[in-house]
Amino acid sequence: MPHMRRTAVRGGRRGFRTALMVSVARERMENLVRMAAAADRSGESARSRRYVGLARKIGMRYNVRMSPELRGQFCSACNTYLRYGVNTRSRLRAGRRVVTCVQCGQVTRLPFSQDRGEVLTGPSDLPGEPEPALAEEGLEEEDFADEEAE
């Protein structure tokens, strides 16, 4: 039999994370992402990237996944806090939402599902409700039917 080398284990099971450690790690990650949002709004993008990087490091150290809500708030390549319309470009393509980070060009494709029913395009498509312009003036749609027929 080959000789098996034993390694010394210090302080109990190696890599063991208690529930308290995991909950504290999640809480700190949420706080850091919240702080990154505040820093980005105040114009401190470097500080914002640092906070996001720290949050990701905590997740890796304690082997804790970020919630999907948190994960979608920053670029996975450059740690930039994403603000839609400011530093990202979002497009809908073939059942996917394509989010492009303007800072580094990273493209993230996220699936989305559409309702299989009728597509509503505006308030006039809702059944039983008059158009807002007609409701304000107290007019009915029948008043305009005569004009369209002529």
Protein backbone atom coordinates (compact mmCIF):
# COMPACT_ATOMS: atom_id res chain seq x y z
CA MET A 1 0.00 0.00 0.00
CA PRO A 2 1.25 3.45 -0.80
CA HIS A 3 2.08 5.65 2.10
CA MET A 4 -0.73 8.20 2.76
CA ARG A 5 0.38 11.54 4.08
CA ARG A 6 -1.87 13.15 6.65
CA THR A 7 -2.29 16.87 6.81
CA ALA A 8 -2.75 18.69 10.05
CA VAL A 9 -6.24 20.07 10.57
CA ARG A 10 -6.28 23.14 12.75
CA GLY A 11 -9.39 24.15 14.62
CA GLY A 12 -11.94 21.68 13.30
CA ARG A 13 -13.27 20.94 9.86
CA ARG A 14 -11.53 22.86 7.14
CA GLY A 15 -13.76 25.08 5.04
CA PHE A 16 -16.74 24.73 7.35
CA ARG A 17 -19.03 27.74 7.35
CA THR A 18 -21.59 28.18 10.06
CA ALA A 19 -25.05 29.55 9.34
CA LEU A 20 -24.09 32.73 11.18
CA MET A 21 -21.05 33.26 8.93
CA VAL A 22 -23.18 32.79 5.82
CA SER A 23 -25.91 35.18 6.99
CA VAL A 24 -23.35 37.85 7.95
CA ALA A 25 -21.65 37.44 4.56
CA ARG A 26 -24.98 37.88 2.72
CA GLU A 27 -25.82 40.94 4.80
CA ARG A 28 -22.43 42.53 4.12
CA MET A 29 -22.72 41.85 0.39
CA GLU A 30 -26.15 43.53 0.30
CA ASN A 31 -24.83 46.52 2.25
CA LEU A 32 -21.82 46.90 -0.05
CA VAL A 33 -23.96 46.80 -3.19
CA ARG A 34 -26.29 49.39 -1.61
CA MET A 35 -23.26 51.58 -0.81
CA ALA A 36 -22.02 51.11 -4.39
CA ALA A 37 -25.33 52.43 -5.68
CA ALA A 38 -25.12 55.48 -3.45
CA ALA A 39 -21.49 56.13 -4.44
CA ASP A 40 -22.32 55.81 -8.13
CA ARG A 41 -25.24 58.25 -7.82
CA SER A 42 -22.93 60.79 -6.18
CA GLY A 43 -20.44 60.48 -9.05
CA GLU A 44 -17.76 58.37 -7.33
CA SER A 45 -17.55 55.53 -9.83
CA ALA A 46 -14.14 54.31 -8.63
CA ARG A 47 -15.45 53.91 -5.09
CA SER A 48 -18.55 52.18 -6.45
CA ARG A 49 -16.42 49.64 -8.34
CA ARG A 50 -14.38 49.04 -5.19
CA TYR A 51 -17.52 48.29 -3.15
CA VAL A 52 -18.80 45.88 -5.78
CA GLY A 53 -15.40 44.16 -5.89
CA LEU A 54 -15.41 43.75 -2.11
CA ALA A 55 -18.91 42.30 -2.19
CA ARG A 56 -17.85 39.75 -4.79
CA LYS A 57 -14.74 38.85 -2.77
CA ILE A 58 -16.84 38.21 0.34
CA GLY A 59 -19.10 35.95 -1.68
CA MET A 60 -16.14 33.97 -2.98
CA ARG A 61 -14.44 33.71 0.40
CA TYR A 62 -17.51 32.38 2.18
CA ASN A 63 -18.81 30.43 -0.84
CA VAL A 64 -22.08 32.36 -0.83
CA ARG A 65 -23.93 33.12 -4.03
CA MET A 66 -25.32 36.57 -4.61
CA SER A 67 -29.04 36.81 -5.12
CA PRO A 68 -30.11 37.35 -8.74
CA GLU A 69 -31.31 40.85 -7.82
CA LEU A 70 -27.81 41.80 -6.62
CA ARG A 71 -26.02 39.99 -9.43
CA GLY A 72 -27.86 41.96 -12.08
CA GLN A 73 -26.86 45.32 -10.63
CA PHE A 74 -23.22 45.31 -11.71
CA CYS A 75 -21.03 44.29 -14.63
CA SER A 76 -19.37 40.92 -14.08
CA ALA A 77 -16.28 41.97 -16.05
CA CYS A 78 -15.39 45.43 -14.71
CA ASN A 79 -17.46 45.65 -11.46
CA THR A 80 -19.20 48.83 -12.63
CA TYR A 81 -22.52 49.48 -10.92
CA LEU A 82 -25.07 49.39 -13.75
CA ARG A 83 -27.53 52.25 -14.15
CA TYR A 84 -29.85 51.61 -17.05
CA GLY A 85 -29.77 54.41 -19.59
CA VAL A 86 -26.65 55.95 -18.04
CA ASN A 87 -23.84 53.43 -18.42
CA THR A 88 -25.68 50.48 -19.99
CA ARG A 89 -27.52 49.74 -23.18
CA SER A 90 -30.46 47.36 -22.92
CA ARG A 91 -32.13 45.74 -25.92
CA LEU A 92 -34.79 43.07 -26.37
CA ARG A 93 -33.80 40.44 -28.90
CA ALA A 94 -35.48 37.10 -29.64
CA GLY A 95 -36.72 36.26 -26.15
CA ARG A 96 -33.68 37.73 -24.43
CA ARG A 97 -32.76 40.98 -22.79
CA VAL A 98 -29.29 41.98 -23.97
CA VAL A 99 -27.50 44.29 -21.53
CA THR A 100 -24.25 45.89 -22.70
CA CYS A 101 -21.90 47.66 -20.28
CA VAL A 102 -20.78 50.90 -21.90
CA GLN A 103 -17.58 51.02 -19.78
CA CYS A 104 -16.04 47.73 -20.94
CA GLY A 105 -18.37 46.39 -23.64
CA GLN A 106 -19.34 43.23 -21.74
CA VAL A 107 -22.57 41.74 -23.11
CA THR A 108 -24.96 39.90 -20.79
CA ARG A 109 -27.89 37.98 -22.25
CA LEU A 110 -30.76 37.33 -19.87
CA PRO A 111 -33.83 35.25 -20.80
CA PHE A 112 -37.30 36.67 -20.34
CA SER A 113 -40.72 35.21 -21.02
CA GLN A 114 -43.54 37.00 -22.76
CA ASP A 115 -47.21 36.40 -22.08
CA ARG A 116 -48.67 34.31 -24.84
CA GLY A 117 -51.85 36.38 -24.92
CA GLU A 118 -52.67 39.60 -26.72
CA VAL A 119 -50.01 42.28 -26.56
CA LEU A 120 -51.27 45.50 -24.99
CA THR A 121 -49.62 48.55 -26.48
CA GLY A 122 -51.20 51.36 -24.52
CA PRO A 123 -54.00 52.49 -22.25
CA SER A 124 -56.53 52.50 -25.12
CA ASP A 125 -56.11 48.72 -25.46
CA LEU A 126 -57.34 48.00 -21.95
CA PRO A 127 -60.89 46.66 -22.00
CA GLY A 128 -63.60 48.75 -20.36
CA GLU A 129 -61.59 51.92 -19.86
CA PRO A 130 -61.93 54.99 -22.07
CA GLU A 131 -58.90 56.75 -23.50
CA PRO A 132 -57.44 59.28 -21.04
CA ALA A 133 -58.02 62.27 -23.37
CA LEU A 134 -61.69 61.33 -23.77
CA ALA A 135 -62.22 60.77 -20.06
CA GLU A 136 -60.87 64.21 -19.16
CA GLU A 137 -63.29 66.05 -21.46
CA GLY A 138 -66.29 63.85 -20.56
CA LEU A 139 -66.66 62.68 -24.16
CA GLU A 140 -67.49 59.18 -25.28
CA GLU A 141 -66.06 57.22 -28.19
CA GLU A 142 -69.46 57.26 -29.92
CA ASP A 143 -69.15 61.04 -30.35
CA PHE A 144 -66.20 60.47 -32.66
CA ALA A 145 -67.76 57.58 -34.60
CA ASP A 146 -69.80 60.04 -36.73
CA GLU A 147 -66.68 61.97 -37.73
CA GLU A 148 -64.82 58.83 -38.80
CA ALA A 149 -67.76 57.62 -40.94
CA GLU A 150 -67.86 60.85 -42.98
